[in-house]
């Protein structure tokens, strides 16, 4: 767990590729690669896991993906759906 004031090391894409390729060569273990780069073995393991899952060592963008620009028609359609949903909720409240 991160501690207050802890500094995190950032890796360039070249460093990540080098670390992952060293481990995947089969000559080094997680611990050996970690000692060489002075990082945690768990960091090496997570880099390798991400590489195996995505096929790349590049850092993936964080957060929710950006929506494509919506047209006026898209907004109108969303507005109509919202109005129908609000009417549905109002009817549900009146039933009780």
PDB file of N, CA and C in Angstrom:
ATOM      1  N   UNK A   1       0.846  -1.178   0.000  1.00  0.00           N
ATOM      2  CA  UNK A   1       0.000   0.000   0.000  1.00  0.00           C
ATOM      3  C   UNK A   1       0.887   1.235   0.000  1.00  0.00           C
ATOM      4  N   UNK A   2       0.464   2.233  -0.709  1.00  0.00           N
ATOM      5  CA  UNK A   2       1.243   3.465  -0.814  1.00  0.00           C
ATOM      6  C   UNK A   2       1.229   4.198   0.519  1.00  0.00           C
ATOM      7  N   UNK A   3       2.355   4.805   0.830  1.00  0.00           N
ATOM      8  CA  UNK A   3       2.475   5.587   2.050  1.00  0.00           C
ATOM      9  C   UNK A   3       2.432   7.059   1.700  1.00  0.00           C
ATOM     10  N   UNK A   4       2.052   7.868   2.661  1.00  0.00           N
ATOM     11  CA  UNK A   4       1.953   9.307   2.447  1.00  0.00           C
ATOM     12  C   UNK A   4       3.315   9.866   2.043  1.00  0.00           C
ATOM     13  N   UNK A   5       3.336  10.625   0.974  1.00  0.00           N
ATOM     14  CA  UNK A   5       4.563  11.242   0.520  1.00  0.00           C
ATOM     15  C   UNK A   5       5.455  10.335  -0.320  1.00  0.00           C
ATOM     16  N   UNK A   6       4.983   9.114  -0.584  1.00  0.00           N
ATOM     17  CA  UNK A   6       5.789   8.161  -1.342  1.00  0.00           C
ATOM     18  C   UNK A   6       5.903   8.605  -2.799  1.00  0.00           C
ATOM     19  N   UNK A   7       7.105   8.475  -3.348  1.00  0.00           N
ATOM     20  CA  UNK A   7       7.347   8.834  -4.737  1.00  0.00           C
ATOM     21  C   UNK A   7       7.277   7.569  -5.585  1.00  0.00           C
ATOM     22  N   UNK A   8       6.641   7.654  -6.728  1.00  0.00           N
ATOM     23  CA  UNK A   8       6.525   6.520  -7.623  1.00  0.00           C
ATOM     24  C   UNK A   8       7.413   6.739  -8.834  1.00  0.00           C
ATOM     25  N   UNK A   9       8.076   5.697  -9.240  1.00  0.00           N
ATOM     26  CA  UNK A   9       8.986   5.782 -10.382  1.00  0.00           C
ATOM     27  C   UNK A   9       8.188   5.630 -11.675  1.00  0.00           C
ATOM     28  N   UNK A  10       8.469   6.473 -12.626  1.00  0.00           N
ATOM     29  CA  UNK A  10       7.829   6.385 -13.942  1.00  0.00           C
ATOM     30  C   UNK A  10       8.790   5.697 -14.899  1.00  0.00           C
ATOM     31  N   UNK A  11       8.264   4.838 -15.738  1.00  0.00           N
ATOM     32  CA  UNK A  11       9.077   4.110 -16.701  1.00  0.00           C
ATOM     33  C   UNK A  11       8.736   4.567 -18.106  1.00  0.00           C
ATOM     34  N   UNK A  12       9.756   4.718 -18.919  1.00  0.00           N
ATOM     35  CA  UNK A  12       9.511   5.019 -20.326  1.00  0.00           C
ATOM     36  C   UNK A  12       9.071   3.733 -21.008  1.00  0.00           C
ATOM     37  N   UNK A  13       8.518   3.866 -22.195  1.00  0.00           N
ATOM     38  CA  UNK A  13       8.079   2.677 -22.925  1.00  0.00           C
ATOM     39  C   UNK A  13       9.257   1.757 -23.240  1.00  0.00           C
ATOM     40  N   UNK A  14      10.417   2.354 -23.507  1.00  0.00           N
ATOM     41  CA  UNK A  14      11.604   1.546 -23.806  1.00  0.00           C
ATOM     42  C   UNK A  14      12.032   0.735 -22.592  1.00  0.00           C
ATOM     43  N   UNK A  15      11.977   1.365 -21.398  1.00  0.00           N
ATOM     44  CA  UNK A  15      12.333   0.646 -20.173  1.00  0.00           C
ATOM     45  C   UNK A  15      11.369  -0.509 -19.928  1.00  0.00           C
ATOM     46  N   UNK A  16      10.083  -0.246 -20.123  1.00  0.00           N
ATOM     47  CA  UNK A  16       9.080  -1.302 -19.921  1.00  0.00           C
ATOM     48  C   UNK A  16       9.337  -2.476 -20.864  1.00  0.00           C
ATOM     49  N   UNK A  17       9.609  -2.162 -22.137  1.00  0.00           N
ATOM     50  CA  UNK A  17       9.861  -3.222 -23.116  1.00  0.00           C
ATOM     51  C   UNK A  17      11.102  -4.024 -22.740  1.00  0.00           C
ATOM     52  N   UNK A  18      12.118  -3.337 -22.258  1.00  0.00           N
ATOM     53  CA  UNK A  18      13.351  -4.002 -21.860  1.00  0.00           C
ATOM     54  C   UNK A  18      13.116  -4.935 -20.667  1.00  0.00           C
ATOM     55  N   UNK A  19      12.382  -4.453 -19.676  1.00  0.00           N
ATOM     56  CA  UNK A  19      12.094  -5.256 -18.484  1.00  0.00           C
ATOM     57  C   UNK A  19      11.295  -6.495 -18.863  1.00  0.00           C
ATOM     58  N   UNK A  20      10.253  -6.308 -19.638  1.00  0.00           N
ATOM     59  CA  UNK A  20       9.391  -7.434 -20.030  1.00  0.00           C
ATOM     60  C   UNK A  20      10.160  -8.428 -20.895  1.00  0.00           C
ATOM     61  N   UNK A  21      10.951  -7.930 -21.825  1.00  0.00           N
ATOM     62  CA  UNK A  21      11.688  -8.844 -22.706  1.00  0.00           C
ATOM     63  C   UNK A  21      12.734  -9.645 -21.933  1.00  0.00           C
ATOM     64  N   UNK A  22      13.350  -9.029 -20.923  1.00  0.00           N
ATOM     65  CA  UNK A  22      14.322  -9.768 -20.101  1.00  0.00           C
ATOM     66  C   UNK A  22      13.647 -10.931 -19.406  1.00  0.00           C
ATOM     67  N   UNK A  23      12.459 -10.667 -18.823  1.00  0.00           N
ATOM     68  CA  UNK A  23      11.765 -11.744 -18.120  1.00  0.00           C
ATOM     69  C   UNK A  23      11.300 -12.816 -19.109  1.00  0.00           C
ATOM     70  N   UNK A  24      10.733 -12.384 -20.236  1.00  0.00           N
ATOM     71  CA  UNK A  24      10.182 -13.346 -21.193  1.00  0.00           C
ATOM     72  C   UNK A  24      11.262 -14.147 -21.918  1.00  0.00           C
ATOM     73  N   UNK A  25      12.523 -13.687 -21.859  1.00  0.00           N
ATOM     74  CA  UNK A  25      13.599 -14.451 -22.484  1.00  0.00           C
ATOM     75  C   UNK A  25      13.802 -15.791 -21.772  1.00  0.00           C
ATOM     76  N   UNK A  26      13.345 -15.873 -20.519  1.00  0.00           N
ATOM     77  CA  UNK A  26      13.455 -17.113 -19.770  1.00  0.00           C
ATOM     78  C   UNK A  26      14.745 -17.237 -18.980  1.00  0.00           C
ATOM     79  N   UNK A  27      15.643 -16.293 -19.137  1.00  0.00           N
ATOM     80  CA  UNK A  27      16.930 -16.354 -18.438  1.00  0.00           C
ATOM     81  C   UNK A  27      16.847 -15.750 -17.040  1.00  0.00           C
ATOM     82  N   UNK A  28      15.844 -14.891 -16.815  1.00  0.00           N
ATOM     83  CA  UNK A  28      15.748 -14.182 -15.545  1.00  0.00           C
ATOM     84  C   UNK A  28      14.395 -14.439 -14.895  1.00  0.00           C
ATOM     85  N   UNK A  29      14.402 -14.413 -13.566  1.00  0.00           N
ATOM     86  CA  UNK A  29      13.148 -14.527 -12.825  1.00  0.00           C
ATOM     87  C   UNK A  29      12.650 -13.118 -12.515  1.00  0.00           C
ATOM     88  N   UNK A  30      11.442 -13.019 -11.945  1.00  0.00           N
ATOM     89  CA  UNK A  30      10.913 -11.723 -11.552  1.00  0.00           C
ATOM     90  C   UNK A  30      11.890 -11.034 -10.590  1.00  0.00           C
ATOM     91  N   UNK A  31      12.382 -11.807  -9.608  1.00  0.00           N
ATOM     92  CA  UNK A  31      13.252 -11.242  -8.588  1.00  0.00           C
ATOM     93  C   UNK A  31      14.560 -10.718  -9.181  1.00  0.00           C
ATOM     94  N   UNK A  32      15.128 -11.452 -10.117  1.00  0.00           N
ATOM     95  CA  UNK A  32      16.396 -11.034 -10.718  1.00  0.00           C
ATOM     96  C   UNK A  32      16.231  -9.745 -11.526  1.00  0.00           C
ATOM     97  N   UNK A  33      15.171  -9.673 -12.297  1.00  0.00           N
ATOM     98  CA  UNK A  33      14.913  -8.461 -13.079  1.00  0.00           C
ATOM     99  C   UNK A  33      14.637  -7.293 -12.133  1.00  0.00           C
ATOM    100  N   UNK A  34      13.877  -7.552 -11.073  1.00  0.00           N
ATOM    101  CA  UNK A  34      13.534  -6.500 -10.112  1.00  0.00           C
ATOM    102  C   UNK A  34      14.781  -5.949  -9.427  1.00  0.00           C
ATOM    103  N   UNK A  35      15.707  -6.831  -9.038  1.00  0.00           N
ATOM    104  CA  UNK A  35      16.947  -6.373  -8.398  1.00  0.00           C
ATOM    105  C   UNK A  35      17.764  -5.506  -9.341  1.00  0.00           C
ATOM    106  N   UNK A  36      17.838  -5.906 -10.595  1.00  0.00           N
ATOM    107  CA  UNK A  36      18.628  -5.170 -11.578  1.00  0.00           C
ATOM    108  C   UNK A  36      18.109  -3.746 -11.763  1.00  0.00           C
ATOM    109  N   UNK A  37      16.783  -3.588 -11.769  1.00  0.00           N
ATOM    110  CA  UNK A  37      16.189  -2.269 -11.994  1.00  0.00           C
ATOM    111  C   UNK A  37      15.791  -1.578 -10.693  1.00  0.00           C
ATOM    112  N   UNK A  38      16.074  -2.218  -9.568  1.00  0.00           N
ATOM    113  CA  UNK A  38      15.770  -1.687  -8.238  1.00  0.00           C
ATOM    114  C   UNK A  38      14.292  -1.338  -8.082  1.00  0.00           C
ATOM    115  N   UNK A  39      13.458  -2.298  -8.423  1.00  0.00           N
ATOM    116  CA  UNK A  39      12.016  -2.147  -8.266  1.00  0.00           C
ATOM    117  C   UNK A  39      11.470  -3.408  -7.623  1.00  0.00           C
ATOM    118  N   UNK A  40      10.209  -3.394  -7.268  1.00  0.00           N
ATOM    119  CA  UNK A  40       9.563  -4.548  -6.658  1.00  0.00           C
ATOM    120  C   UNK A  40       9.326  -5.632  -7.711  1.00  0.00           C
ATOM    121  N   UNK A  41       9.412  -6.892  -7.286  1.00  0.00           N
ATOM    122  CA  UNK A  41       9.141  -7.983  -8.220  1.00  0.00           C
ATOM    123  C   UNK A  41       7.693  -7.934  -8.674  1.00  0.00           C
ATOM    124  N   UNK A  42       6.824  -7.408  -7.819  1.00  0.00           N
ATOM    125  CA  UNK A  42       5.407  -7.320  -8.151  1.00  0.00           C
ATOM    126  C   UNK A  42       5.184  -6.335  -9.309  1.00  0.00           C
ATOM    127  N   UNK A  43       6.010  -5.291  -9.373  1.00  0.00           N
ATOM    128  CA  UNK A  43       5.935  -4.335 -10.472  1.00  0.00           C
ATOM    129  C   UNK A  43       6.290  -5.029 -11.782  1.00  0.00           C
ATOM    130  N   UNK A  44       7.340  -5.841 -11.733  1.00  0.00           N
ATOM    131  CA  UNK A  44       7.750  -6.590 -12.925  1.00  0.00           C
ATOM    132  C   UNK A  44       6.636  -7.543 -13.335  1.00  0.00           C
ATOM    133  N   UNK A  45       6.074  -8.219 -12.360  1.00  0.00           N
ATOM    134  CA  UNK A  45       5.000  -9.185 -12.641  1.00  0.00           C
ATOM    135  C   UNK A  45       3.799  -8.495 -13.283  1.00  0.00           C
ATOM    136  N   UNK A  46       3.438  -7.307 -12.787  1.00  0.00           N
ATOM    137  CA  UNK A  46       2.279  -6.607 -13.353  1.00  0.00           C
ATOM    138  C   UNK A  46       2.574  -6.111 -14.772  1.00  0.00           C
ATOM    139  N   UNK A  47       3.829  -5.696 -15.028  1.00  0.00           N
ATOM    140  CA  UNK A  47       4.197  -5.281 -16.393  1.00  0.00           C
ATOM    141  C   UNK A  47       4.067  -6.459 -17.359  1.00  0.00           C
ATOM    142  N   UNK A  48       4.536  -7.623 -16.932  1.00  0.00           N
ATOM    143  CA  UNK A  48       4.475  -8.816 -17.784  1.00  0.00           C
ATOM    144  C   UNK A  48       3.019  -9.223 -18.003  1.00  0.00           C
ATOM    145  N   UNK A  49       2.216  -9.164 -16.952  1.00  0.00           N
ATOM    146  CA  UNK A  49       0.802  -9.532 -17.067  1.00  0.00           C
ATOM    147  C   UNK A  49       0.082  -8.607 -18.038  1.00  0.00           C
ATOM    148  N   UNK A  50       0.340  -7.290 -17.920  1.00  0.00           N
ATOM    149  CA  UNK A  50      -0.291  -6.333 -18.836  1.00  0.00           C
ATOM    150  C   UNK A  50       0.149  -6.596 -20.270  1.00  0.00           C
ATOM    151  N   UNK A  51       1.430  -6.946 -20.434  1.00  0.00           N
ATOM    152  CA  UNK A  51       1.931  -7.235 -21.775  1.00  0.00           C
ATOM    153  C   UNK A  51       1.225  -8.462 -22.360  1.00  0.00           C
ATOM    154  N   UNK A  52       1.060  -9.495 -21.540  1.00  0.00           N
ATOM    155  CA  UNK A  52       0.410 -10.717 -22.023  1.00  0.00           C
ATOM    156  C   UNK A  52      -1.057 -10.476 -22.355  1.00  0.00           C
ATOM    157  N   UNK A  53      -1.719  -9.621 -21.580  1.00  0.00           N
ATOM    158  CA  UNK A  53      -3.150  -9.357 -21.798  1.00  0.00           C
ATOM    159  C   UNK A  53      -3.395  -8.432 -22.985  1.00  0.00           C
ATOM    160  N   UNK A  54      -2.552  -7.406 -23.151  1.00  0.00           N
ATOM    161  CA  UNK A  54      -2.813  -6.400 -24.177  1.00  0.00           C
ATOM    162  C   UNK A  54      -1.891  -6.517 -25.384  1.00  0.00           C
ATOM    163  N   UNK A  55      -0.761  -7.173 -25.215  1.00  0.00           N
ATOM    164  CA  UNK A  55       0.174  -7.308 -26.316  1.00  0.00           C
ATOM    165  C   UNK A  55       1.086  -6.101 -26.485  1.00  0.00           C
ATOM    166  N   UNK A  56       1.035  -5.176 -25.545  1.00  0.00           N
ATOM    167  CA  UNK A  56       1.884  -3.997 -25.610  1.00  0.00           C
ATOM    168  C   UNK A  56       2.361  -3.631 -24.214  1.00  0.00           C
ATOM    169  N   UNK A  57       3.489  -2.958 -24.142  1.00  0.00           N
ATOM    170  CA  UNK A  57       3.988  -2.524 -22.834  1.00  0.00           C
ATOM    171  C   UNK A  57       3.660  -1.070 -22.578  1.00  0.00           C
ATOM    172  N   UNK A  58       3.039  -0.415 -23.520  1.00  0.00           N
ATOM    173  CA  UNK A  58       2.704   0.996 -23.368  1.00  0.00           C
ATOM    174  C   UNK A  58       1.680   1.172 -22.255  1.00  0.00           C
ATOM    175  N   UNK A  59       1.807   2.273 -21.552  1.00  0.00           N
ATOM    176  CA  UNK A  59       0.859   2.575 -20.493  1.00  0.00           C
ATOM    177  C   UNK A  59      -0.499   2.879 -21.128  1.00  0.00           C
ATOM    178  N   UNK A  60      -1.522   2.236 -20.638  1.00  0.00           N
ATOM    179  CA  UNK A  60      -2.862   2.439 -21.184  1.00  0.00           C
ATOM    180  C   UNK A  60      -3.471   3.705 -20.605  1.00  0.00           C
ATOM    181  N   UNK A  61      -4.272   4.403 -21.379  1.00  0.00           N
ATOM    182  CA  UNK A  61      -4.902   5.623 -20.860  1.00  0.00           C
ATOM    183  C   UNK A  61      -5.859   5.269 -19.732  1.00  0.00           C
ATOM    184  N   UNK A  62      -5.868   6.097 -18.718  1.00  0.00           N
ATOM    185  CA  UNK A  62      -6.728   5.842 -17.559  1.00  0.00           C
ATOM    186  C   UNK A  62      -8.034   6.599 -17.707  1.00  0.00           C
ATOM    187  N   UNK A  63      -9.017   6.136 -16.974  1.00  0.00           N
ATOM    188  CA  UNK A  63     -10.294   6.828 -16.941  1.00  0.00           C
ATOM    189  C   UNK A  63     -11.263   6.339 -17.993  1.00  0.00           C
ATOM    190  N   UNK A  64     -12.378   6.982 -18.005  1.00  0.00           N
ATOM    191  CA  UNK A  64     -13.447   6.636 -18.926  1.00  0.00           C
ATOM    192  C   UNK A  64     -13.085   7.086 -20.335  1.00  0.00           C
ATOM    193  N   UNK A  65     -13.314   6.244 -21.323  1.00  0.00           N
ATOM    194  CA  UNK A  65     -12.987   6.659 -22.689  1.00  0.00           C
ATOM    195  C   UNK A  65     -13.849   7.845 -23.126  1.00  0.00           C
ATOM    196  N   UNK A  66     -13.265   8.722 -23.894  1.00  0.00           N
ATOM    197  CA  UNK A  66     -13.975   9.906 -24.371  1.00  0.00           C
ATOM    198  C   UNK A  66     -15.031   9.497 -25.391  1.00  0.00           C
ATOM    199  N   UNK A  67     -16.190  10.138 -25.284  1.00  0.00           N
ATOM    200  CA  UNK A  67     -17.245   9.880 -26.263  1.00  0.00           C
ATOM    201  C   UNK A  67     -16.950  10.670 -27.519  1.00  0.00           C
ATOM    202  N   UNK A  68     -17.333  10.107 -28.628  1.00  0.00           N
ATOM    203  CA  UNK A  68     -17.170  10.832 -29.881  1.00  0.00           C
ATOM    204  C   UNK A  68     -18.099  12.032 -29.862  1.00  0.00           C
ATOM    205  N   UNK A  69     -17.781  13.023 -30.645  1.00  0.00           N
ATOM    206  CA  UNK A  69     -18.612  14.223 -30.649  1.00  0.00           C
ATOM    207  C   UNK A  69     -20.026  13.858 -31.110  1.00  0.00           C
ATOM    208  N   UNK A  70     -20.987  14.301 -30.337  1.00  0.00           N
ATOM    209  CA  UNK A  70     -22.382  13.980 -30.626  1.00  0.00           C
ATOM    210  C   UNK A  70     -23.000  15.059 -31.508  1.00  0.00           C
ATOM    211  N   UNK A  71     -23.875  14.614 -32.364  1.00  0.00           N
ATOM    212  CA  UNK A  71     -24.573  15.557 -33.233  1.00  0.00           C
ATOM    213  C   UNK A  71     -25.839  16.049 -32.534  1.00  0.00           C
ATOM    214  N   UNK A  72     -26.469  17.031 -33.130  1.00  0.00           N
ATOM    215  CA  UNK A  72     -27.686  17.588 -32.558  1.00  0.00           C
ATOM    216  C   UNK A  72     -28.786  16.518 -32.493  1.00  0.00           C
ATOM    217  N   UNK A  73     -28.819  15.649 -33.497  1.00  0.00           N
ATOM    218  CA  UNK A  73     -29.818  14.577 -33.516  1.00  0.00           C
ATOM    219  C   UNK A  73     -29.599  13.599 -32.366  1.00  0.00           C
ATOM    220  N   UNK A  74     -28.332  13.325 -32.063  1.00  0.00           N
ATOM    221  CA  UNK A  74     -28.022  12.422 -30.943  1.00  0.00           C
ATOM    222  C   UNK A  74     -28.538  12.999 -29.629  1.00  0.00           C
ATOM    223  N   UNK A  75     -28.324  14.313 -29.449  1.00  0.00           N
ATOM    224  CA  UNK A  75     -28.797  14.949 -28.228  1.00  0.00           C
ATOM    225  C   UNK A  75     -30.321  14.937 -28.149  1.00  0.00           C
ATOM    226  N   UNK A  76     -30.983  15.157 -29.287  1.00  0.00           N
ATOM    227  CA  UNK A  76     -32.447  15.127 -29.307  1.00  0.00           C
ATOM    228  C   UNK A  76     -32.957  13.743 -28.939  1.00  0.00           C
ATOM    229  N   UNK A  77     -32.313  12.709 -29.479  1.00  0.00           N
ATOM    230  CA  UNK A  77     -32.710  11.335 -29.181  1.00  0.00           C
ATOM    231  C   UNK A  77     -32.525  11.027 -27.703  1.00  0.00           C
ATOM    232  N   UNK A  78     -31.411  11.450 -27.147  1.00  0.00           N
ATOM    233  CA  UNK A  78     -31.163  11.224 -25.720  1.00  0.00           C
ATOM    234  C   UNK A  78     -32.185  11.969 -24.862  1.00  0.00           C
ATOM    235  N   UNK A  79     -32.537  13.175 -25.287  1.00  0.00           N
ATOM    236  CA  UNK A  79     -33.507  13.972 -24.562  1.00  0.00           C
ATOM    237  C   UNK A  79     -34.869  13.286 -24.550  1.00  0.00           C
ATOM    238  N   UNK A  80     -35.275  12.734 -25.673  1.00  0.00           N
ATOM    239  CA  UNK A  80     -36.562  12.031 -25.756  1.00  0.00           C
ATOM    240  C   UNK A  80     -36.568  10.797 -24.853  1.00  0.00           C
ATOM    241  N   UNK A  81     -35.479  10.072 -24.845  1.00  0.00           N
ATOM    242  CA  UNK A  81     -35.375   8.886 -23.977  1.00  0.00           C
ATOM    243  C   UNK A  81     -35.484   9.303 -22.521  1.00  0.00           C
ATOM    244  N   UNK A  82     -34.815  10.388 -22.163  1.00  0.00           N
ATOM    245  CA  UNK A  82     -34.861  10.884 -20.789  1.00  0.00           C
ATOM    246  C   UNK A  82     -36.270  11.292 -20.399  1.00  0.00           C
ATOM    247  N   UNK A  83     -36.977  11.964 -21.292  1.00  0.00           N
ATOM    248  CA  UNK A  83     -38.356  12.390 -21.018  1.00  0.00           C
ATOM    249  C   UNK A  83     -39.258  11.172 -20.774  1.00  0.00           C
ATOM    250  N   UNK A  84     -39.113  10.137 -21.608  1.00  0.00           N
ATOM    251  CA  UNK A  84     -39.908   8.920 -21.435  1.00  0.00           C
ATOM    252  C   UNK A  84     -39.599   8.260 -20.099  1.00  0.00           C
ATOM    253  N   UNK A  85     -38.329   8.251 -19.721  1.00  0.00           N
ATOM    254  CA  UNK A  85     -37.938   7.631 -18.457  1.00  0.00           C
ATOM    255  C   UNK A  85     -38.504   8.412 -17.272  1.00  0.00           C
ATOM    256  N   UNK A  86     -38.460   9.734 -17.355  1.00  0.00           N
ATOM    257  CA  UNK A  86     -39.016  10.560 -16.287  1.00  0.00           C
ATOM    258  C   UNK A  86     -40.521  10.347 -16.157  1.00  0.00           C
ATOM    259  N   UNK A  87     -41.218  10.213 -17.278  1.00  0.00           N
ATOM    260  CA  UNK A  87     -42.663   9.961 -17.251  1.00  0.00           C
ATOM    261  C   UNK A  87     -42.940   8.599 -16.622  1.00  0.00           C
ATOM    262  N   UNK A  88     -42.105   7.627 -16.944  1.00  0.00           N
ATOM    263  CA  UNK A  88     -42.253   6.293 -16.357  1.00  0.00           C
ATOM    264  C   UNK A  88     -42.082   6.350 -14.845  1.00  0.00           C
ATOM    265  N   UNK A  89     -41.044   7.052 -14.378  1.00  0.00           N
ATOM    266  CA  UNK A  89     -40.812   7.158 -12.937  1.00  0.00           C
ATOM    267  C   UNK A  89     -41.963   7.880 -12.241  1.00  0.00           C
ATOM    268  N   UNK A  90     -42.495   8.920 -12.868  1.00  0.00           N
ATOM    269  CA  UNK A  90     -43.611   9.662 -12.294  1.00  0.00           C
ATOM    270  C   UNK A  90     -44.833   8.750 -12.154  1.00  0.00           C
ATOM    271  N   UNK A  91     -45.088   7.922 -13.170  1.00  0.00           N
ATOM    272  CA  UNK A  91     -46.215   6.986 -13.120  1.00  0.00           C
ATOM    273  C   UNK A  91     -45.996   5.956 -12.008  1.00  0.00           C
ATOM    274  N   UNK A  92     -44.786   5.522 -11.824  1.00  0.00           N
ATOM    275  CA  UNK A  92     -44.489   4.553 -10.762  1.00  0.00           C
ATOM    276  C   UNK A  92     -44.760   5.164  -9.382  1.00  0.00           C
ATOM    277  N   UNK A  93     -44.369   6.431  -9.202  1.00  0.00           N
ATOM    278  CA  UNK A  93     -44.581   7.106  -7.916  1.00  0.00           C
ATOM    279  C   UNK A  93     -46.079   7.300  -7.650  1.00  0.00           C
ATOM    280  N   UNK A  94     -46.861   7.609  -8.670  1.00  0.00           N
ATOM    281  CA  UNK A  94     -48.285   7.851  -8.506  1.00  0.00           C
ATOM    282  C   UNK A  94     -49.032   6.563  -8.192  1.00  0.00           C
ATOM    283  N   UNK A  95     -48.518   5.432  -8.638  1.00  0.00           N
ATOM    284  CA  UNK A  95     -49.138   4.143  -8.376  1.00  0.00           C
ATOM    285  C   UNK A  95     -49.121   3.804  -6.888  1.00  0.00           C
ATOM    286  N   UNK A  96     -48.092   4.246  -6.216  1.00  0.00           N
ATOM    287  CA  UNK A  96     -47.944   3.887  -4.781  1.00  0.00           C
ATOM    288  C   UNK A  96     -48.812   4.696  -3.931  1.00  0.00           C
TER     289      UNK A  96
END
